[in-house]
Amino acid sequence: MANENIVIIKRSKKGGHAAHHGGAWKVAYADFVTAMMAFFLLLWLLNATTEAQKQGIADYFSPTSLSMSSGGAGGMLGGQTISSPGAMTDRTAVPSVSLELKPTSGATAGDAEEEGGANDKDKSAEQAMAEAEATLQKMREQQVETENAQFEETEKEIRQAIEKTPDLKGLEEHLLIDQTPEGLRIQVIDREGRPMYASGSTTMLPRTQKLVAQIALAIKTLPNKVKVAGHTDSTPFKSKKKGYSNWELSGERAQESRRVLVEGGLDSERIVAVEGRAARDPLLPDDTTSPRNRRISITLLRQPPPKDAKAPATGTSGGLSTGGKPGTNARKPALPTNLNKDWTGPRVR
């Protein structure tokens, strides 16, 4: 009976999960990531800083800078603080460096310096171009002033020669001299009852030849190119020659004037154009049949302005090219500001 009350307890060992390894690997991984971030930050700083900045950083972390002076404590800082509070700077403070780090696009330090240098070069180039343009403008203005003075002296010389020459007295009424944007224009015009050419003829009268020769003597020393143009009135020319008109008459008179100028001492190479204008450019637009429309125009063309590197080709305002290749942009000479507005009208002195 006693055995029946015995309680038997059976202990069984249950199988469990594998042992937990803990979080040590997370700490190691975090240290690894931190080290890699510090490593790449170091590489970026090396790439983004100059040699002077690198030297400043090295001086900041150098331990020797902390022991440059000694104090009563005899420790590392020698009883002195690294920096004093407030805005006052401590002489014993460790030198610090302030860096302004700008985001880069992968360019090297050398490339960054070259970019800054390029900007400086661009500014210097723009300044040099502005100074060159100002110099050229000043040269153009001086050239115009010089030409105007030469033209005035030439006009005075021609008129004085007419007054002093007995054979030319009375011909000043046939002479019209003015300055135009194209240059100095000297015109020999007909008067009522006193023509410069015989009617319907291309041969100059003797007094006209003497006057044109005197003009050649006055302008032969100037460097300007010369253009000669013949003009007639609007009265239709009657000729036995078939097809002969005011166009042929004005052209042949211009050629005759060119020959007289060359015989008077003018270099033939300076004559760049000989034109027959017929009645297309009347001196008196309101009276195209007036004898004063019959004339010879001798124009001293203005010299081209100083050339620059970008626009080597220049031209005259009258369409006569004096240099450069076709298709280039020609700079027109600066116009004088003291010209009369109407330089085509009659201005007989």
C-alpha atoms as a PDB file:
ATOM      1  CA  MET A   1       0.000   0.000   0.000  1.00  0.00           C
ATOM      2  CA  ALA A   2       2.834   2.253   0.759  1.00  0.00           C
ATOM      3  CA  ASN A   3       4.166   1.831  -2.736  1.00  0.00           C
ATOM      4  CA  GLU A   4       0.992   2.954  -4.345  1.00  0.00           C
ATOM      5  CA  ASN A   5       1.270   6.495  -2.901  1.00  0.00           C
ATOM      6  CA  ILE A   6       4.700   7.107  -4.410  1.00  0.00           C
ATOM      7  CA  VAL A   7       4.667   9.925  -6.898  1.00  0.00           C
ATOM      8  CA  ILE A   8       7.186   9.556  -9.682  1.00  0.00           C
ATOM      9  CA  ILE A   9       8.441  12.844 -11.215  1.00  0.00           C
ATOM     10  CA  LYS A  10      10.090  12.576 -14.599  1.00  0.00           C
ATOM     11  CA  ARG A  11      12.195  15.408 -15.784  1.00  0.00           C
ATOM     12  CA  SER A  12      12.674  15.778 -19.502  1.00  0.00           C
ATOM     13  CA  LYS A  13      15.043  18.191 -21.176  1.00  0.00           C
ATOM     14  CA  LYS A  14      13.470  20.119 -23.985  1.00  0.00           C
ATOM     15  CA  GLY A  15      15.508  21.241 -27.009  1.00  0.00           C
ATOM     16  CA  GLY A  16      15.971  25.052 -27.304  1.00  0.00           C
ATOM     17  CA  HIS A  17      17.016  27.556 -29.987  1.00  0.00           C
ATOM     18  CA  ALA A  18      20.604  28.335 -30.784  1.00  0.00           C
ATOM     19  CA  ALA A  19      22.340  30.647 -28.410  1.00  0.00           C
ATOM     20  CA  HIS A  20      21.966  34.399 -29.139  1.00  0.00           C
ATOM     21  CA  HIS A  21      25.255  35.978 -30.254  1.00  0.00           C
ATOM     22  CA  GLY A  22      24.439  39.474 -28.959  1.00  0.00           C
ATOM     23  CA  GLY A  23      24.941  42.909 -30.723  1.00  0.00           C
ATOM     24  CA  ALA A  24      28.739  43.057 -30.899  1.00  0.00           C
ATOM     25  CA  TRP A  25      28.742  42.809 -34.719  1.00  0.00           C
ATOM     26  CA  LYS A  26      26.631  45.926 -34.961  1.00  0.00           C
ATOM     27  CA  VAL A  27      29.183  47.910 -33.046  1.00  0.00           C
ATOM     28  CA  ALA A  28      31.971  46.616 -35.276  1.00  0.00           C
ATOM     29  CA  TYR A  29      30.006  47.446 -38.409  1.00  0.00           C
ATOM     30  CA  ALA A  30      29.259  50.943 -37.136  1.00  0.00           C
ATOM     31  CA  ASP A  31      32.951  51.503 -36.428  1.00  0.00           C
ATOM     32  CA  PHE A  32      33.794  50.297 -39.931  1.00  0.00           C
ATOM     33  CA  VAL A  33      31.265  52.648 -41.560  1.00  0.00           C
ATOM     34  CA  THR A  34      32.500  55.551 -39.438  1.00  0.00           C
ATOM     35  CA  ALA A  35      36.093  54.824 -40.413  1.00  0.00           C
ATOM     36  CA  MET A  36      35.162  54.682 -44.107  1.00  0.00           C
ATOM     37  CA  MET A  37      33.261  57.980 -43.857  1.00  0.00           C
ATOM     38  CA  ALA A  38      36.256  59.578 -42.143  1.00  0.00           C
ATOM     39  CA  PHE A  39      38.543  58.151 -44.831  1.00  0.00           C
ATOM     40  CA  PHE A  40      36.475  59.552 -47.726  1.00  0.00           C
ATOM     41  CA  LEU A  41      36.112  62.869 -45.891  1.00  0.00           C
ATOM     42  CA  LEU A  42      39.891  62.996 -45.637  1.00  0.00           C
ATOM     43  CA  LEU A  43      40.233  62.318 -49.375  1.00  0.00           C
ATOM     44  CA  TRP A  44      37.710  65.080 -50.147  1.00  0.00           C
ATOM     45  CA  LEU A  45      39.546  67.548 -47.915  1.00  0.00           C
ATOM     46  CA  LEU A  46      42.842  66.707 -49.613  1.00  0.00           C
ATOM     47  CA  ASN A  47      41.226  67.363 -52.978  1.00  0.00           C
ATOM     48  CA  ALA A  48      39.390  70.569 -52.021  1.00  0.00           C
ATOM     49  CA  THR A  49      42.131  72.416 -50.116  1.00  0.00           C
ATOM     50  CA  THR A  50      45.283  74.176 -51.226  1.00  0.00           C
ATOM     51  CA  GLU A  51      48.794  73.575 -49.953  1.00  0.00           C
ATOM     52  CA  ALA A  52      48.546  76.542 -47.588  1.00  0.00           C
ATOM     53  CA  GLN A  53      45.303  75.230 -46.122  1.00  0.00           C
ATOM     54  CA  LYS A  54      46.761  71.746 -45.704  1.00  0.00           C
ATOM     55  CA  GLN A  55      49.720  73.249 -43.872  1.00  0.00           C
ATOM     56  CA  GLY A  56      47.345  75.162 -41.572  1.00  0.00           C
ATOM     57  CA  ILE A  57      45.443  71.977 -40.747  1.00  0.00           C
ATOM     58  CA  ALA A  58      48.691  70.168 -40.033  1.00  0.00           C
ATOM     59  CA  ASP A  59      49.803  72.959 -37.705  1.00  0.00           C
ATOM     60  CA  TYR A  60      46.474  72.791 -35.892  1.00  0.00           C
ATOM     61  CA  PHE A  61      46.874  69.100 -35.063  1.00  0.00           C
ATOM     62  CA  SER A  62      50.596  69.322 -34.346  1.00  0.00           C
ATOM     63  CA  PRO A  63      51.230  68.615 -30.580  1.00  0.00           C
ATOM     64  CA  THR A  64      54.404  70.690 -30.563  1.00  0.00           C
ATOM     65  CA  SER A  65      52.337  73.885 -30.746  1.00  0.00           C
ATOM     66  CA  LEU A  66      50.954  73.140 -27.285  1.00  0.00           C
ATOM     67  CA  SER A  67      54.333  73.029 -25.601  1.00  0.00           C
ATOM     68  CA  MET A  68      55.895  76.191 -27.040  1.00  0.00           C
ATOM     69  CA  SER A  69      55.786  77.867 -23.614  1.00  0.00           C
ATOM     70  CA  SER A  70      55.790  76.588 -20.090  1.00  0.00           C
ATOM     71  CA  GLY A  71      53.951  77.813 -17.006  1.00  0.00           C
ATOM     72  CA  GLY A  72      53.699  77.117 -13.318  1.00  0.00           C
ATOM     73  CA  ALA A  73      51.694  73.943 -13.762  1.00  0.00           C
ATOM     74  CA  GLY A  74      54.428  72.280 -15.783  1.00  0.00           C
ATOM     75  CA  GLY A  75      51.846  70.282 -17.706  1.00  0.00           C
ATOM     76  CA  MET A  76      50.998  70.177 -21.360  1.00  0.00           C
ATOM     77  CA  LEU A  77      49.399  73.600 -21.415  1.00  0.00           C
ATOM     78  CA  GLY A  78      51.762  75.072 -18.870  1.00  0.00           C
ATOM     79  CA  GLY A  79      48.954  76.550 -16.774  1.00  0.00           C
ATOM     80  CA  GLN A  80      47.524  78.552 -19.724  1.00  0.00           C
ATOM     81  CA  THR A  81      44.224  78.244 -21.518  1.00  0.00           C
ATOM     82  CA  ILE A  82      43.973  77.475 -25.181  1.00  0.00           C
ATOM     83  CA  SER A  83      41.863  80.517 -25.813  1.00  0.00           C
ATOM     84  CA  SER A  84      40.396  83.220 -23.635  1.00  0.00           C
ATOM     85  CA  PRO A  85      36.646  83.906 -23.608  1.00  0.00           C
ATOM     86  CA  GLY A  86      35.134  86.744 -25.532  1.00  0.00           C
ATOM     87  CA  ALA A  87      36.413  88.313 -28.732  1.00  0.00           C
ATOM     88  CA  MET A  88      39.989  88.824 -27.413  1.00  0.00           C
ATOM     89  CA  THR A  89      42.606  86.634 -29.030  1.00  0.00           C
ATOM     90  CA  ASP A  90      45.052  84.785 -26.794  1.00  0.00           C
ATOM     91  CA  ARG A  91      48.668  84.843 -27.943  1.00  0.00           C
ATOM     92  CA  THR A  92      49.174  81.372 -26.493  1.00  0.00           C
ATOM     93  CA  ALA A  93      46.161  79.897 -28.270  1.00  0.00           C
ATOM     94  CA  VAL A  94      46.676  77.118 -30.745  1.00  0.00           C
ATOM     95  CA  PRO A  95      46.516  78.462 -34.291  1.00  0.00           C
ATOM     96  CA  SER A  96      43.290  77.605 -36.049  1.00  0.00           C
ATOM     97  CA  VAL A  97      42.309  77.528 -39.686  1.00  0.00           C
ATOM     98  CA  SER A  98      38.904  78.505 -41.096  1.00  0.00           C
ATOM     99  CA  LEU A  99      38.062  76.743 -44.354  1.00  0.00           C
ATOM    100  CA  GLU A 100      35.354  77.691 -46.823  1.00  0.00           C
ATOM    101  CA  LEU A 101      34.538  74.431 -48.542  1.00  0.00           C
ATOM    102  CA  LYS A 102      32.605  74.761 -51.758  1.00  0.00           C
ATOM    103  CA  PRO A 103      30.971  71.823 -53.517  1.00  0.00           C
ATOM    104  CA  THR A 104      33.032  70.564 -56.395  1.00  0.00           C
ATOM    105  CA  SER A 105      32.061  68.725 -59.551  1.00  0.00           C
ATOM    106  CA  GLY A 106      34.907  66.265 -59.468  1.00  0.00           C
ATOM    107  CA  ALA A 107      37.486  68.717 -60.813  1.00  0.00           C
ATOM    108  CA  THR A 108      40.962  68.682 -59.344  1.00  0.00           C
ATOM    109  CA  ALA A 109      42.508  71.540 -57.411  1.00  0.00           C
ATOM    110  CA  GLY A 110      44.503  72.475 -60.462  1.00  0.00           C
ATOM    111  CA  ASP A 111      41.321  72.688 -62.535  1.00  0.00           C
ATOM    112  CA  ALA A 112      39.688  74.940 -59.941  1.00  0.00           C
ATOM    113  CA  GLU A 113      42.654  77.298 -60.042  1.00  0.00           C
ATOM    114  CA  GLU A 114      42.556  77.305 -63.837  1.00  0.00           C
ATOM    115  CA  GLU A 115      38.846  78.217 -63.798  1.00  0.00           C
ATOM    116  CA  GLY A 116      39.521  81.212 -61.575  1.00  0.00           C
ATOM    117  CA  GLY A 117      42.447  82.183 -63.747  1.00  0.00           C
ATOM    118  CA  ALA A 118      40.269  81.946 -66.858  1.00  0.00           C
ATOM    119  CA  ASN A 119      37.803  84.423 -65.390  1.00  0.00           C
ATOM    120  CA  ASP A 120      40.627  86.820 -64.636  1.00  0.00           C
ATOM    121  CA  LYS A 121      41.924  86.381 -68.182  1.00  0.00           C
ATOM    122  CA  ASP A 122      38.466  87.072 -69.636  1.00  0.00           C
ATOM    123  CA  LYS A 123      38.192  90.277 -67.629  1.00  0.00           C
ATOM    124  CA  SER A 124      41.676  91.325 -68.705  1.00  0.00           C
ATOM    125  CA  ALA A 125      40.841  90.567 -72.347  1.00  0.00           C
ATOM    126  CA  GLU A 126      37.610  92.587 -72.183  1.00  0.00           C
ATOM    127  CA  GLN A 127      39.450  95.499 -70.578  1.00  0.00           C
ATOM    128  CA  ALA A 128      42.176  95.339 -73.212  1.00  0.00           C
ATOM    129  CA  MET A 129      39.560  95.314 -76.010  1.00  0.00           C
ATOM    130  CA  ALA A 130      37.773  98.299 -74.484  1.00  0.00           C
ATOM    131  CA  GLU A 131      41.042 100.220 -74.228  1.00  0.00           C
ATOM    132  CA  ALA A 132      41.944  99.310 -77.819  1.00  0.00           C
ATOM    133  CA  GLU A 133      38.532 100.467 -79.079  1.00  0.00           C
ATOM    134  CA  ALA A 134      38.887 103.744 -77.182  1.00  0.00           C
ATOM    135  CA  THR A 135      42.331 104.260 -78.686  1.00  0.00           C
ATOM    136  CA  LEU A 136      41.031 103.559 -82.192  1.00  0.00           C
ATOM    137  CA  GLN A 137      38.142 105.970 -81.700  1.00  0.00           C
ATOM    138  CA  LYS A 138      40.542 108.671 -80.576  1.00  0.00           C
ATOM    139  CA  MET A 139      42.752 108.012 -83.604  1.00  0.00           C
ATOM    140  CA  ARG A 140      39.728 108.288 -85.926  1.00  0.00           C
ATOM    141  CA  GLU A 141      38.710 111.605 -84.395  1.00  0.00           C
ATOM    142  CA  GLN A 142      42.250 112.950 -84.715  1.00  0.00           C
ATOM    143  CA  GLN A 143      42.362 111.772 -88.333  1.00  0.00           C
ATOM    144  CA  VAL A 144      39.111 113.586 -89.155  1.00  0.00           C
ATOM    145  CA  GLU A 145      40.375 116.781 -87.515  1.00  0.00           C
ATOM    146  CA  THR A 146      43.647 116.553 -89.450  1.00  0.00           C
ATOM    147  CA  GLU A 147      41.841 115.979 -92.750  1.00  0.00           C
ATOM    148  CA  ASN A 148      39.467 118.879 -92.149  1.00  0.00           C
ATOM    149  CA  ALA A 149      42.427 121.168 -91.491  1.00  0.00           C
ATOM    150  CA  GLN A 150      44.150 119.936 -94.675  1.00  0.00           C
ATOM    151  CA  PHE A 151      40.979 120.460 -96.719  1.00  0.00           C
ATOM    152  CA  GLU A 152      40.564 124.001 -95.409  1.00  0.00           C
ATOM    153  CA  GLU A 153      44.189 124.774 -96.242  1.00  0.00           C
ATOM    154  CA  THR A 154      43.758 123.337 -99.746  1.00  0.00           C
ATOM    155  CA  GLU A 155      40.665 125.449-100.380  1.00  0.00           C
ATOM    156  CA  LYS A 156      42.472 128.560 -99.187  1.00  0.00           C
ATOM    157  CA  GLU A 157      45.454 127.771-101.417  1.00  0.00           C
ATOM    158  CA  ILE A 158      43.284 127.318-104.518  1.00  0.00           C
ATOM    159  CA  ARG A 159      41.423 130.583-103.972  1.00  0.00           C
ATOM    160  CA  GLN A 160      44.619 132.526-103.281  1.00  0.00           C
ATOM    161  CA  ALA A 161      46.189 131.117-106.459  1.00  0.00           C
ATOM    162  CA  ILE A 162      43.182 132.256-108.500  1.00  0.00           C
ATOM    163  CA  GLU A 163      43.412 135.753-107.035  1.00  0.00           C
ATOM    164  CA  LYS A 164      47.155 136.010-107.696  1.00  0.00           C
ATOM    165  CA  THR A 165      47.079 134.600-111.254  1.00  0.00           C
ATOM    166  CA  PRO A 166      45.979 137.186-113.846  1.00  0.00           C
ATOM    167  CA  ASP A 167      44.766 134.509-116.274  1.00  0.00           C
ATOM    168  CA  LEU A 168      42.476 133.049-113.605  1.00  0.00           C
ATOM    169  CA  LYS A 169      40.900 136.241-112.325  1.00  0.00           C
ATOM    170  CA  GLY A 170      37.141 136.148-112.509  1.00  0.00           C
ATOM    171  CA  LEU A 171      37.010 132.340-112.409  1.00  0.00           C
ATOM    172  CA  GLU A 172      36.315 132.177-108.683  1.00  0.00           C
ATOM    173  CA  GLU A 173      32.611 132.392-109.577  1.00  0.00           C
ATOM    174  CA  HIS A 174      32.991 129.098-111.443  1.00  0.00           C
ATOM    175  CA  LEU A 175      34.517 127.371-108.425  1.00  0.00           C
ATOM    176  CA  LEU A 176      32.434 125.675-105.724  1.00  0.00           C
ATOM    177  CA  ILE A 177      34.347 124.008-102.842  1.00  0.00           C
ATOM    178  CA  ASP A 178      32.702 122.278 -99.886  1.00  0.00           C
ATOM    179  CA  GLN A 179      33.268 119.394 -97.489  1.00  0.00           C
ATOM    180  CA  THR A 180      30.974 116.377 -97.668  1.00  0.00           C
ATOM    181  CA  PRO A 181      30.935 113.040 -95.805  1.00  0.00           C
ATOM    182  CA  GLU A 182      32.815 111.667 -98.806  1.00  0.00           C
ATOM    183  CA  GLY A 183      35.592 114.262 -98.668  1.00  0.00           C
ATOM    184  CA  LEU A 184      36.577 117.639-100.105  1.00  0.00           C
ATOM    185  CA  ARG A 185      34.537 118.303-103.245  1.00  0.00           C
ATOM    186  CA  ILE A 186      35.876 120.835-105.776  1.00  0.00           C
ATOM    187  CA  GLN A 187      33.419 121.652-108.555  1.00  0.00           C
ATOM    188  CA  VAL A 188      34.025 123.645-111.711  1.00  0.00           C
ATOM    189  CA  ILE A 189      30.599 124.847-112.857  1.00  0.00           C
ATOM    190  CA  ASP A 190      29.248 126.630-115.883  1.00  0.00           C
ATOM    191  CA  ARG A 191      27.709 130.087-115.722  1.00  0.00           C
ATOM    192  CA  GLU A 192      25.110 131.656-117.943  1.00  0.00           C
ATOM    193  CA  GLY A 193      27.027 132.918-120.965  1.00  0.00           C
ATOM    194  CA  ARG A 194      30.403 131.648-119.632  1.00  0.00           C
ATOM    195  CA  PRO A 195      30.657 127.875-120.173  1.00  0.00           C
ATOM    196  CA  MET A 196      33.688 125.783-119.218  1.00  0.00           C
ATOM    197  CA  TYR A 197      33.285 123.655-122.355  1.00  0.00           C
ATOM    198  CA  ALA A 198      32.186 124.572-125.797  1.00  0.00           C
ATOM    199  CA  SER A 199      28.578 123.631-126.402  1.00  0.00           C
ATOM    200  CA  GLY A 200      28.321 119.899-127.159  1.00  0.00           C
ATOM    201  CA  SER A 201      32.125 119.494-126.974  1.00  0.00           C
ATOM    202  CA  THR A 202      34.284 117.371-124.682  1.00  0.00           C
ATOM    203  CA  THR A 203      37.348 119.625-125.021  1.00  0.00           C
ATOM    204  CA  MET A 204      37.990 122.125-122.252  1.00  0.00           C
ATOM    205  CA  LEU A 205      38.306 125.793-123.005  1.00  0.00           C
ATOM    206  CA  PRO A 206      41.768 127.242-122.233  1.00  0.00           C
ATOM    207  CA  ARG A 207      40.619 129.021-119.074  1.00  0.00           C
ATOM    208  CA  THR A 208      39.075 125.779-117.810  1.00  0.00           C
ATOM    209  CA  GLN A 209      42.326 123.911-118.434  1.00  0.00           C
ATOM    210  CA  LYS A 210      44.269 126.502-116.435  1.00  0.00           C
ATOM    211  CA  LEU A 211      41.794 126.284-113.550  1.00  0.00           C
ATOM    212  CA  VAL A 212      41.874 122.450-113.419  1.00  0.00           C
ATOM    213  CA  ALA A 213      45.691 122.496-113.653  1.00  0.00           C
ATOM    214  CA  GLN A 214      45.791 124.866-110.671  1.00  0.00           C
ATOM    215  CA  ILE A 215      43.567 122.451-108.736  1.00  0.00           C
ATOM    216  CA  ALA A 216      45.966 119.609-109.579  1.00  0.00           C
ATOM    217  CA  LEU A 217      48.878 121.695-108.288  1.00  0.00           C
ATOM    218  CA  ALA A 218      47.081 122.301-104.968  1.00  0.00           C
ATOM    219  CA  ILE A 219      46.069 118.684-104.290  1.00  0.00           C
ATOM    220  CA  LYS A 220      49.041 116.747-105.670  1.00  0.00           C
ATOM    221  CA  THR A 221      50.881 116.671-102.315  1.00  0.00           C
ATOM    222  CA  LEU A 222      47.927 115.310-100.345  1.00  0.00           C
ATOM    223  CA  PRO A 223      47.646 111.534 -99.721  1.00  0.00           C
ATOM    224  CA  ASN A 224      43.896 111.283-100.451  1.00  0.00           C
ATOM    225  CA  LYS A 225      42.477 109.298-103.342  1.00  0.00           C
ATOM    226  CA  VAL A 226      40.630 111.257-106.034  1.00  0.00           C
ATOM    227  CA  LYS A 227      37.310 110.692-107.798  1.00  0.00           C
ATOM    228  CA  VAL A 228      36.299 112.627-110.938  1.00  0.00           C
ATOM    229  CA  ALA A 229      32.691 112.919-112.109  1.00  0.00           C
ATOM    230  CA  GLY A 230      31.094 114.726-115.033  1.00  0.00           C
ATOM    231  CA  HIS A 231      27.589 116.237-114.865  1.00  0.00           C
ATOM    232  CA  THR A 232      25.215 117.763-117.407  1.00  0.00           C
ATOM    233  CA  ASP A 233      21.853 119.492-117.274  1.00  0.00           C
ATOM    234  CA  SER A 234      18.625 117.707-118.154  1.00  0.00           C
ATOM    235  CA  THR A 235      18.365 119.178-121.663  1.00  0.00           C
ATOM    236  CA  PRO A 236      18.528 116.243-124.128  1.00  0.00           C
ATOM    237  CA  PHE A 237      21.785 116.234-126.048  1.00  0.00           C
ATOM    238  CA  LYS A 238      21.425 116.328-129.830  1.00  0.00           C
ATOM    239  CA  SER A 239      24.196 114.623-131.721  1.00  0.00           C
ATOM    240  CA  LYS A 240      24.747 113.137-135.129  1.00  0.00           C
ATOM    241  CA  LYS A 241      26.227 110.089-133.427  1.00  0.00           C
ATOM    242  CA  LYS A 242      23.678 107.371-132.975  1.00  0.00           C
ATOM    243  CA  GLY A 243      23.020 106.604-129.317  1.00  0.00           C
ATOM    244  CA  TYR A 244      25.198 109.463-128.069  1.00  0.00           C
ATOM    245  CA  SER A 245      23.561 111.182-125.105  1.00  0.00           C
ATOM    246  CA  ASN A 246      24.305 113.133-121.942  1.00  0.00           C
ATOM    247  CA  TRP A 247      25.738 109.962-120.447  1.00  0.00           C
ATOM    248  CA  GLU A 248      28.509 109.735-123.037  1.00  0.00           C
ATOM    249  CA  LEU A 249      29.061 113.506-122.951  1.00  0.00           C
ATOM    250  CA  SER A 250      29.466 113.645-119.156  1.00  0.00           C
ATOM    251  CA  GLY A 251      31.715 110.575-119.166  1.00  0.00           C
ATOM    252  CA  GLU A 252      34.051 111.962-121.834  1.00  0.00           C
ATOM    253  CA  ARG A 253      34.257 115.323-120.067  1.00  0.00           C
ATOM    254  CA  ALA A 254      35.235 113.506-116.870  1.00  0.00           C
ATOM    255  CA  GLN A 255      37.953 111.640-118.787  1.00  0.00           C
ATOM    256  CA  GLU A 256      39.216 114.932-120.228  1.00  0.00           C
ATOM    257  CA  SER A 257      39.378 116.382-116.715  1.00  0.00           C
ATOM    258  CA  ARG A 258      41.354 113.351-115.548  1.00  0.00           C
ATOM    259  CA  ARG A 259      43.922 113.879-118.304  1.00  0.00           C
ATOM    260  CA  VAL A 260      44.320 117.551-117.430  1.00  0.00           C
ATOM    261  CA  LEU A 261      44.791 116.677-113.734  1.00  0.00           C
ATOM    262  CA  VAL A 262      47.504 114.143-114.555  1.00  0.00           C
ATOM    263  CA  GLU A 263      49.241 116.632-116.857  1.00  0.00           C
ATOM    264  CA  GLY A 264      49.085 119.156-114.009  1.00  0.00           C
ATOM    265  CA  GLY A 265      51.137 116.881-111.724  1.00  0.00           C
ATOM    266  CA  LEU A 266      48.561 114.642-110.034  1.00  0.00           C
ATOM    267  CA  ASP A 267      49.665 111.013-109.691  1.00  0.00           C
ATOM    268  CA  SER A 268      47.419 108.893-111.901  1.00  0.00           C
ATOM    269  CA  GLU A 269      47.474 106.083-109.311  1.00  0.00           C
ATOM    270  CA  ARG A 270      45.537 108.296-106.912  1.00  0.00           C
ATOM    271  CA  ILE A 271      42.535 108.514-109.258  1.00  0.00           C
ATOM    272  CA  VAL A 272      40.253 105.651-108.257  1.00  0.00           C
ATOM    273  CA  ALA A 273      37.099 106.473-110.252  1.00  0.00           C
ATOM    274  CA  VAL A 274      36.035 108.473-113.317  1.00  0.00           C
ATOM    275  CA  GLU A 275      32.260 108.695-113.681  1.00  0.00           C
ATOM    276  CA  GLY A 276      29.711 110.149-116.072  1.00  0.00           C
ATOM    277  CA  ARG A 277      26.567 111.037-114.110  1.00  0.00           C
ATOM    278  CA  ALA A 278      24.615 112.859-116.848  1.00  0.00           C
ATOM    279  CA  ALA A 279      21.734 114.746-115.159  1.00  0.00           C
ATOM    280  CA  ARG A 280      21.229 112.226-112.331  1.00  0.00           C
ATOM    281  CA  ASP A 281      22.838 114.429-109.665  1.00  0.00           C
ATOM    282  CA  PRO A 282      21.812 118.045-110.408  1.00  0.00           C
ATOM    283  CA  LEU A 283      23.326 120.900-108.454  1.00  0.00           C
ATOM    284  CA  LEU A 284      19.969 122.676-108.605  1.00  0.00           C
ATOM    285  CA  PRO A 285      17.269 120.010-108.238  1.00  0.00           C
ATOM    286  CA  ASP A 286      14.516 122.613-108.674  1.00  0.00           C
ATOM    287  CA  ASP A 287      15.949 123.826-111.975  1.00  0.00           C
ATOM    288  CA  THR A 288      17.514 120.865-113.747  1.00  0.00           C
ATOM    289  CA  THR A 289      17.971 122.817-117.013  1.00  0.00           C
ATOM    290  CA  SER A 290      20.150 125.499-115.366  1.00  0.00           C
ATOM    291  CA  PRO A 291      23.668 125.838-116.822  1.00  0.00           C
ATOM    292  CA  ARG A 292      25.105 125.515-113.323  1.00  0.00           C
ATOM    293  CA  ASN A 293      24.162 121.842-113.392  1.00  0.00           C
ATOM    294  CA  ARG A 294      26.859 121.384-116.043  1.00  0.00           C
ATOM    295  CA  ARG A 295      30.006 120.834-114.022  1.00  0.00           C
ATOM    296  CA  ILE A 296      33.020 118.706-113.207  1.00  0.00           C
ATOM    297  CA  SER A 297      33.376 117.371-109.650  1.00  0.00           C
ATOM    298  CA  ILE A 298      36.838 116.554-108.294  1.00  0.00           C
ATOM    299  CA  THR A 299      36.516 114.877-104.877  1.00  0.00           C
ATOM    300  CA  LEU A 300      39.364 114.243-102.451  1.00  0.00           C
ATOM    301  CA  LEU A 301      38.156 111.102-100.687  1.00  0.00           C
ATOM    302  CA  ARG A 302      38.605 110.775 -96.972  1.00  0.00           C
ATOM    303  CA  GLN A 303      41.211 108.261 -95.888  1.00  0.00           C
ATOM    304  CA  PRO A 304      39.993 105.007 -94.311  1.00  0.00           C
ATOM    305  CA  PRO A 305      40.048 104.990 -90.488  1.00  0.00           C
ATOM    306  CA  PRO A 306      42.766 103.126 -88.544  1.00  0.00           C
ATOM    307  CA  LYS A 307      42.352  99.398 -88.888  1.00  0.00           C
ATOM    308  CA  ASP A 308      41.762  97.030 -85.986  1.00  0.00           C
ATOM    309  CA  ALA A 309      42.290  93.308 -85.731  1.00  0.00           C
ATOM    310  CA  LYS A 310      38.645  92.373 -86.302  1.00  0.00           C
ATOM    311  CA  ALA A 311      37.751  94.611 -89.240  1.00  0.00           C
ATOM    312  CA  PRO A 312      40.763  94.966 -91.543  1.00  0.00           C
ATOM    313  CA  ALA A 313      38.648  96.034 -94.506  1.00  0.00           C
ATOM    314  CA  THR A 314      37.586  99.636 -94.852  1.00  0.00           C
ATOM    315  CA  GLY A 315      35.696 101.594 -97.457  1.00  0.00           C
ATOM    316  CA  THR A 316      34.558 105.040 -98.404  1.00  0.00           C
ATOM    317  CA  SER A 317      31.051 106.287 -97.926  1.00  0.00           C
ATOM    318  CA  GLY A 318      30.653 106.625-101.676  1.00  0.00           C
ATOM    319  CA  GLY A 319      30.985 102.889-102.284  1.00  0.00           C
ATOM    320  CA  LEU A 320      34.567 102.959-103.564  1.00  0.00           C
ATOM    321  CA  SER A 321      36.506 100.212-101.881  1.00  0.00           C
ATOM    322  CA  THR A 322      39.972 101.278-100.761  1.00  0.00           C
ATOM    323  CA  GLY A 323      41.118  98.049 -99.187  1.00  0.00           C
ATOM    324  CA  GLY A 324      40.106  94.683 -97.816  1.00  0.00           C
ATOM    325  CA  LYS A 325      38.374  91.693 -99.399  1.00  0.00           C
ATOM    326  CA  PRO A 326      34.820  91.609-100.709  1.00  0.00           C
ATOM    327  CA  GLY A 327      32.287  90.532 -98.152  1.00  0.00           C
ATOM    328  CA  THR A 328      34.054  92.001 -95.150  1.00  0.00           C
ATOM    329  CA  ASN A 329      32.394  94.561 -92.934  1.00  0.00           C
ATOM    330  CA  ALA A 330      33.886  97.921 -93.805  1.00  0.00           C
ATOM    331  CA  ARG A 331      34.067 100.617 -91.182  1.00  0.00           C
ATOM    332  CA  LYS A 332      32.939 103.980 -92.462  1.00  0.00           C
ATOM    333  CA  PRO A 333      35.060 106.982 -91.576  1.00  0.00           C
ATOM    334  CA  ALA A 334      33.724 109.231 -88.866  1.00  0.00           C
ATOM    335  CA  LEU A 335      31.853 112.165 -90.332  1.00  0.00           C
ATOM    336  CA  PRO A 336      32.844 115.710 -89.404  1.00  0.00           C
ATOM    337  CA  THR A 337      30.317 117.483 -87.242  1.00  0.00           C
ATOM    338  CA  ASN A 338      30.779 120.973 -88.693  1.00  0.00           C
ATOM    339  CA  LEU A 339      29.334 120.289 -92.182  1.00  0.00           C
ATOM    340  CA  ASN A 340      26.304 122.100 -93.510  1.00  0.00           C
ATOM    341  CA  LYS A 341      23.269 119.840 -93.649  1.00  0.00           C
ATOM    342  CA  ASP A 342      22.686 120.517 -97.354  1.00  0.00           C
ATOM    343  CA  TRP A 343      26.013 119.912 -99.081  1.00  0.00           C
ATOM    344  CA  THR A 344      24.426 119.299-102.496  1.00  0.00           C
ATOM    345  CA  GLY A 345      22.846 122.702-102.900  1.00  0.00           C
ATOM    346  CA  PRO A 346      24.428 125.779-104.501  1.00  0.00           C
ATOM    347  CA  ARG A 347      26.906 127.477-102.216  1.00  0.00           C
ATOM    348  CA  VAL A 348      28.711 129.871-104.496  1.00  0.00           C
ATOM    349  CA  ARG A 349      31.005 132.189-102.628  1.00  0.00           C
END
